[in-house]
Amino acid sequence: MRGFCALKCSCKIYILLTISKLKEQLFCMNKTFYKHYEHSMTNAHSWTPHNSLIMF
């Protein structure tokens, strides 16, 4: 029974770590998207809706 409890706890920790990693990745992706977006806005002539869709 004790082993099961430990397993459950480690599973929870693993899930939390995975979630925080995913959040970090999303944050990084958003940052690169906004950078790209700002860059596109400064070069408005080269900006196409297609580009922004790929970034999402």
PDB file of N, CA and C in Angstrom:
ATOM      1  N   MET A   1       0.829  -1.203   0.000  1.00  0.00           N
ATOM      2  CA  MET A   1       0.000   0.000   0.000  1.00  0.00           C
ATOM      3  C   MET A   1       0.870   1.262   0.000  1.00  0.00           C
ATOM      4  N   ARG A   2       1.936   1.214   0.773  1.00  0.00           N
ATOM      5  CA  ARG A   2       2.829   2.369   0.863  1.00  0.00           C
ATOM      6  C   ARG A   2       3.501   2.637  -0.483  1.00  0.00           C
ATOM      7  N   GLY A   3       3.910   1.550  -1.151  1.00  0.00           N
ATOM      8  CA  GLY A   3       4.555   1.680  -2.458  1.00  0.00           C
ATOM      9  C   GLY A   3       3.621   2.341  -3.460  1.00  0.00           C
ATOM     10  N   PHE A   4       2.356   1.971  -3.399  1.00  0.00           N
ATOM     11  CA  PHE A   4       1.356   2.540  -4.306  1.00  0.00           C
ATOM     12  C   PHE A   4       1.237   4.042  -4.090  1.00  0.00           C
ATOM     13  N   CYS A   5       1.250   4.447  -2.808  1.00  0.00           N
ATOM     14  CA  CYS A   5       1.147   5.864  -2.467  1.00  0.00           C
ATOM     15  C   CYS A   5       2.336   6.643  -3.042  1.00  0.00           C
ATOM     16  N   ALA A   6       3.509   6.074  -2.896  1.00  0.00           N
ATOM     17  CA  ALA A   6       4.718   6.720  -3.405  1.00  0.00           C
ATOM     18  C   ALA A   6       4.649   6.853  -4.917  1.00  0.00           C
ATOM     19  N   LEU A   7       4.155   5.806  -5.555  1.00  0.00           N
ATOM     20  CA  LEU A   7       4.019   5.808  -7.010  1.00  0.00           C
ATOM     21  C   LEU A   7       3.072   6.911  -7.453  1.00  0.00           C
ATOM     22  N   LYS A   8       1.965   7.028  -6.720  1.00  0.00           N
ATOM     23  CA  LYS A   8       0.968   8.047  -7.028  1.00  0.00           C
ATOM     24  C   LYS A   8       1.579   9.445  -6.900  1.00  0.00           C
ATOM     25  N   CYS A   9       2.341   9.648  -5.838  1.00  0.00           N
ATOM     26  CA  CYS A   9       2.976  10.948  -5.601  1.00  0.00           C
ATOM     27  C   CYS A   9       3.968  11.270  -6.709  1.00  0.00           C
ATOM     28  N   SER A  10       4.792  10.299  -7.087  1.00  0.00           N
ATOM     29  CA  SER A  10       5.787  10.547  -8.132  1.00  0.00           C
ATOM     30  C   SER A  10       5.100  10.809  -9.464  1.00  0.00           C
ATOM     31  N   CYS A  11       3.957  10.164  -9.685  1.00  0.00           N
ATOM     32  CA  CYS A  11       3.190  10.411 -10.906  1.00  0.00           C
ATOM     33  C   CYS A  11       2.707  11.852 -10.931  1.00  0.00           C
ATOM     34  N   LYS A  12       2.208  12.319  -9.791  1.00  0.00           N
ATOM     35  CA  LYS A  12       1.717  13.699  -9.694  1.00  0.00           C
ATOM     36  C   LYS A  12       2.837  14.679  -9.976  1.00  0.00           C
ATOM     37  N   ILE A  13       4.004  14.420  -9.384  1.00  0.00           N
ATOM     38  CA  ILE A  13       5.160  15.298  -9.578  1.00  0.00           C
ATOM     39  C   ILE A  13       5.558  15.304 -11.052  1.00  0.00           C
ATOM     40  N   TYR A  14       5.570  14.113 -11.661  1.00  0.00           N
ATOM     41  CA  TYR A  14       5.932  13.993 -13.070  1.00  0.00           C
ATOM     42  C   TYR A  14       4.970  14.801 -13.940  1.00  0.00           C
ATOM     43  N   ILE A  15       3.683  14.681 -13.655  1.00  0.00           N
ATOM     44  CA  ILE A  15       2.668  15.416 -14.416  1.00  0.00           C
ATOM     45  C   ILE A  15       2.869  16.918 -14.258  1.00  0.00           C
ATOM     46  N   LEU A  16       3.110  17.367 -13.025  1.00  0.00           N
ATOM     47  CA  LEU A  16       3.322  18.793 -12.778  1.00  0.00           C
ATOM     48  C   LEU A  16       4.545  19.298 -13.534  1.00  0.00           C
ATOM     49  N   LEU A  17       5.616  18.501 -13.530  1.00  0.00           N
ATOM     50  CA  LEU A  17       6.836  18.889 -14.242  1.00  0.00           C
ATOM     51  C   LEU A  17       6.568  18.988 -15.734  1.00  0.00           C
ATOM     52  N   THR A  18       5.837  18.001 -16.255  1.00  0.00           N
ATOM     53  CA  THR A  18       5.511  17.997 -17.684  1.00  0.00           C
ATOM     54  C   THR A  18       4.707  19.228 -18.044  1.00  0.00           C
ATOM     55  N   ILE A  19       3.717  19.566 -17.215  1.00  0.00           N
ATOM     56  CA  ILE A  19       2.881  20.736 -17.471  1.00  0.00           C
ATOM     57  C   ILE A  19       3.717  22.005 -17.466  1.00  0.00           C
ATOM     58  N   SER A  20       4.603  22.139 -16.479  1.00  0.00           N
ATOM     59  CA  SER A  20       5.419  23.360 -16.411  1.00  0.00           C
ATOM     60  C   SER A  20       6.364  23.438 -17.602  1.00  0.00           C
ATOM     61  N   LYS A  21       6.858  22.272 -18.068  1.00  0.00           N
ATOM     62  CA  LYS A  21       7.720  22.258 -19.254  1.00  0.00           C
ATOM     63  C   LYS A  21       6.937  22.717 -20.473  1.00  0.00           C
ATOM     64  N   LEU A  22       5.714  22.221 -20.605  1.00  0.00           N
ATOM     65  CA  LEU A  22       4.871  22.601 -21.741  1.00  0.00           C
ATOM     66  C   LEU A  22       4.581  24.091 -21.715  1.00  0.00           C
ATOM     67  N   LYS A  23       4.293  24.609 -20.509  1.00  0.00           N
ATOM     68  CA  LYS A  23       4.014  26.040 -20.363  1.00  0.00           C
ATOM     69  C   LYS A  23       5.223  26.847 -20.796  1.00  0.00           C
ATOM     70  N   GLU A  24       6.407  26.390 -20.387  1.00  0.00           N
ATOM     71  CA  GLU A  24       7.651  27.069 -20.746  1.00  0.00           C
ATOM     72  C   GLU A  24       7.811  27.100 -22.257  1.00  0.00           C
ATOM     73  N   GLN A  25       7.564  25.954 -22.895  1.00  0.00           N
ATOM     74  CA  GLN A  25       7.681  25.861 -24.352  1.00  0.00           C
ATOM     75  C   GLN A  25       6.692  26.791 -25.030  1.00  0.00           C
ATOM     76  N   LEU A  26       5.466  26.827 -24.511  1.00  0.00           N
ATOM     77  CA  LEU A  26       4.445  27.704 -25.085  1.00  0.00           C
ATOM     78  C   LEU A  26       4.869  29.157 -24.966  1.00  0.00           C
ATOM     79  N   PHE A  27       5.416  29.492 -23.794  1.00  0.00           N
ATOM     80  CA  PHE A  27       5.866  30.861 -23.550  1.00  0.00           C
ATOM     81  C   PHE A  27       6.961  31.238 -24.550  1.00  0.00           C
ATOM     82  N   CYS A  28       7.904  30.326 -24.751  1.00  0.00           N
ATOM     83  CA  CYS A  28       8.990  30.568 -25.704  1.00  0.00           C
ATOM     84  C   CYS A  28       8.435  30.721 -27.110  1.00  0.00           C
ATOM     85  N   MET A  29       7.486  29.875 -27.478  1.00  0.00           N
ATOM     86  CA  MET A  29       6.878  29.946 -28.792  1.00  0.00           C
ATOM     87  C   MET A  29       6.160  31.275 -28.988  1.00  0.00           C
ATOM     88  N   ASN A  30       5.447  31.712 -27.952  1.00  0.00           N
ATOM     89  CA  ASN A  30       4.745  32.991 -28.020  1.00  0.00           C
ATOM     90  C   ASN A  30       5.726  34.129 -28.219  1.00  0.00           C
ATOM     91  N   LYS A  31       6.846  34.074 -27.477  1.00  0.00           N
ATOM     92  CA  LYS A  31       7.846  35.128 -27.592  1.00  0.00           C
ATOM     93  C   LYS A  31       8.386  35.197 -29.019  1.00  0.00           C
ATOM     94  N   THR A  32       8.689  34.038 -29.601  1.00  0.00           N
ATOM     95  CA  THR A  32       9.210  34.039 -30.967  1.00  0.00           C
ATOM     96  C   THR A  32       8.132  34.491 -31.937  1.00  0.00           C
ATOM     97  N   PHE A  33       6.887  34.126 -31.659  1.00  0.00           N
ATOM     98  CA  PHE A  33       5.795  34.557 -32.529  1.00  0.00           C
ATOM     99  C   PHE A  33       5.675  36.077 -32.510  1.00  0.00           C
ATOM    100  N   TYR A  34       5.696  36.653 -31.315  1.00  0.00           N
ATOM    101  CA  TYR A  34       5.556  38.109 -31.218  1.00  0.00           C
ATOM    102  C   TYR A  34       6.733  38.830 -31.856  1.00  0.00           C
ATOM    103  N   LYS A  35       7.913  38.258 -31.686  1.00  0.00           N
ATOM    104  CA  LYS A  35       9.091  38.840 -32.323  1.00  0.00           C
ATOM    105  C   LYS A  35       8.898  38.826 -33.836  1.00  0.00           C
ATOM    106  N   HIS A  36       8.471  37.689 -34.329  1.00  0.00           N
ATOM    107  CA  HIS A  36       8.230  37.529 -35.767  1.00  0.00           C
ATOM    108  C   HIS A  36       7.141  38.497 -36.229  1.00  0.00           C
ATOM    109  N   TYR A  37       6.115  38.610 -35.407  1.00  0.00           N
ATOM    110  CA  TYR A  37       4.975  39.467 -35.729  1.00  0.00           C
ATOM    111  C   TYR A  37       5.399  40.935 -35.800  1.00  0.00           C
ATOM    112  N   GLU A  38       6.155  41.362 -34.801  1.00  0.00           N
ATOM    113  CA  GLU A  38       6.656  42.743 -34.784  1.00  0.00           C
ATOM    114  C   GLU A  38       7.524  43.001 -36.006  1.00  0.00           C
ATOM    115  N   HIS A  39       8.376  42.047 -36.284  1.00  0.00           N
ATOM    116  CA  HIS A  39       9.261  42.157 -37.441  1.00  0.00           C
ATOM    117  C   HIS A  39       8.433  42.271 -38.720  1.00  0.00           C
ATOM    118  N   SER A  40       7.382  41.446 -38.795  1.00  0.00           N
ATOM    119  CA  SER A  40       6.514  41.465 -39.972  1.00  0.00           C
ATOM    120  C   SER A  40       5.799  42.795 -40.100  1.00  0.00           C
ATOM    121  N   MET A  41       5.411  43.346 -38.958  1.00  0.00           N
ATOM    122  CA  MET A  41       4.686  44.611 -38.987  1.00  0.00           C
ATOM    123  C   MET A  41       5.583  45.766 -39.438  1.00  0.00           C
ATOM    124  N   THR A  42       6.872  45.663 -39.093  1.00  0.00           N
ATOM    125  CA  THR A  42       7.797  46.712 -39.531  1.00  0.00           C
ATOM    126  C   THR A  42       8.049  46.573 -41.030  1.00  0.00           C
ATOM    127  N   ASN A  43       8.019  45.327 -41.516  1.00  0.00           N
ATOM    128  CA  ASN A  43       8.129  45.099 -42.968  1.00  0.00           C
ATOM    129  C   ASN A  43       6.752  44.676 -43.481  1.00  0.00           C
ATOM    130  N   ALA A  44       5.799  45.555 -43.374  1.00  0.00           N
ATOM    131  CA  ALA A  44       4.410  45.216 -43.689  1.00  0.00           C
ATOM    132  C   ALA A  44       4.242  44.651 -45.095  1.00  0.00           C
ATOM    133  N   HIS A  45       5.053  45.120 -46.024  1.00  0.00           N
ATOM    134  CA  HIS A  45       4.897  44.660 -47.402  1.00  0.00           C
ATOM    135  C   HIS A  45       5.214  43.176 -47.554  1.00  0.00           C
ATOM    136  N   SER A  46       6.084  42.641 -46.682  1.00  0.00           N
ATOM    137  CA  SER A  46       6.446  41.226 -46.797  1.00  0.00           C
ATOM    138  C   SER A  46       5.541  40.331 -45.931  1.00  0.00           C
ATOM    139  N   TRP A  47       4.630  40.960 -45.198  1.00  0.00           N
ATOM    140  CA  TRP A  47       3.767  40.197 -44.297  1.00  0.00           C
ATOM    141  C   TRP A  47       2.562  39.649 -45.035  1.00  0.00           C
ATOM    142  N   THR A  48       2.296  38.345 -44.817  1.00  0.00           N
ATOM    143  CA  THR A  48       1.095  37.728 -45.381  1.00  0.00           C
ATOM    144  C   THR A  48       0.378  36.971 -44.276  1.00  0.00           C
ATOM    145  N   PRO A  49      -0.931  36.871 -44.344  1.00  0.00           N
ATOM    146  CA  PRO A  49      -1.688  36.120 -43.331  1.00  0.00           C
ATOM    147  C   PRO A  49      -1.184  34.690 -43.222  1.00  0.00           C
ATOM    148  N   HIS A  50      -0.725  34.147 -44.342  1.00  0.00           N
ATOM    149  CA  HIS A  50      -0.227  32.771 -44.390  1.00  0.00           C
ATOM    150  C   HIS A  50       0.926  32.581 -43.402  1.00  0.00           C
ATOM    151  N   ASN A  51       1.839  33.557 -43.348  1.00  0.00           N
ATOM    152  CA  ASN A  51       2.985  33.480 -42.439  1.00  0.00           C
ATOM    153  C   ASN A  51       2.545  33.380 -40.991  1.00  0.00           C
ATOM    154  N   SER A  52       1.584  34.200 -40.608  1.00  0.00           N
ATOM    155  CA  SER A  52       1.163  34.223 -39.213  1.00  0.00           C
ATOM    156  C   SER A  52       0.441  32.936 -38.845  1.00  0.00           C
ATOM    157  N   LEU A  53      -0.240  32.319 -39.804  1.00  0.00           N
ATOM    158  CA  LEU A  53      -0.940  31.064 -39.532  1.00  0.00           C
ATOM    159  C   LEU A  53       0.055  29.961 -39.223  1.00  0.00           C
ATOM    160  N   ILE A  54       1.158  29.951 -39.967  1.00  0.00           N
ATOM    161  CA  ILE A  54       2.187  28.937 -39.729  1.00  0.00           C
ATOM    162  C   ILE A  54       2.750  29.090 -38.317  1.00  0.00           C
ATOM    163  N   MET A  55       2.948  30.324 -37.897  1.00  0.00           N
ATOM    164  CA  MET A  55       3.524  30.555 -36.576  1.00  0.00           C
ATOM    165  C   MET A  55       2.604  30.072 -35.460  1.00  0.00           C
ATOM    166  N   PHE A  56       1.306  30.135 -35.671  1.00  0.00           N
ATOM    167  CA  PHE A  56       0.383  29.633 -34.653  1.00  0.00           C
ATOM    168  C   PHE A  56       0.400  28.124 -34.687  1.00  0.00           C
TER     169      PHE A  56
END
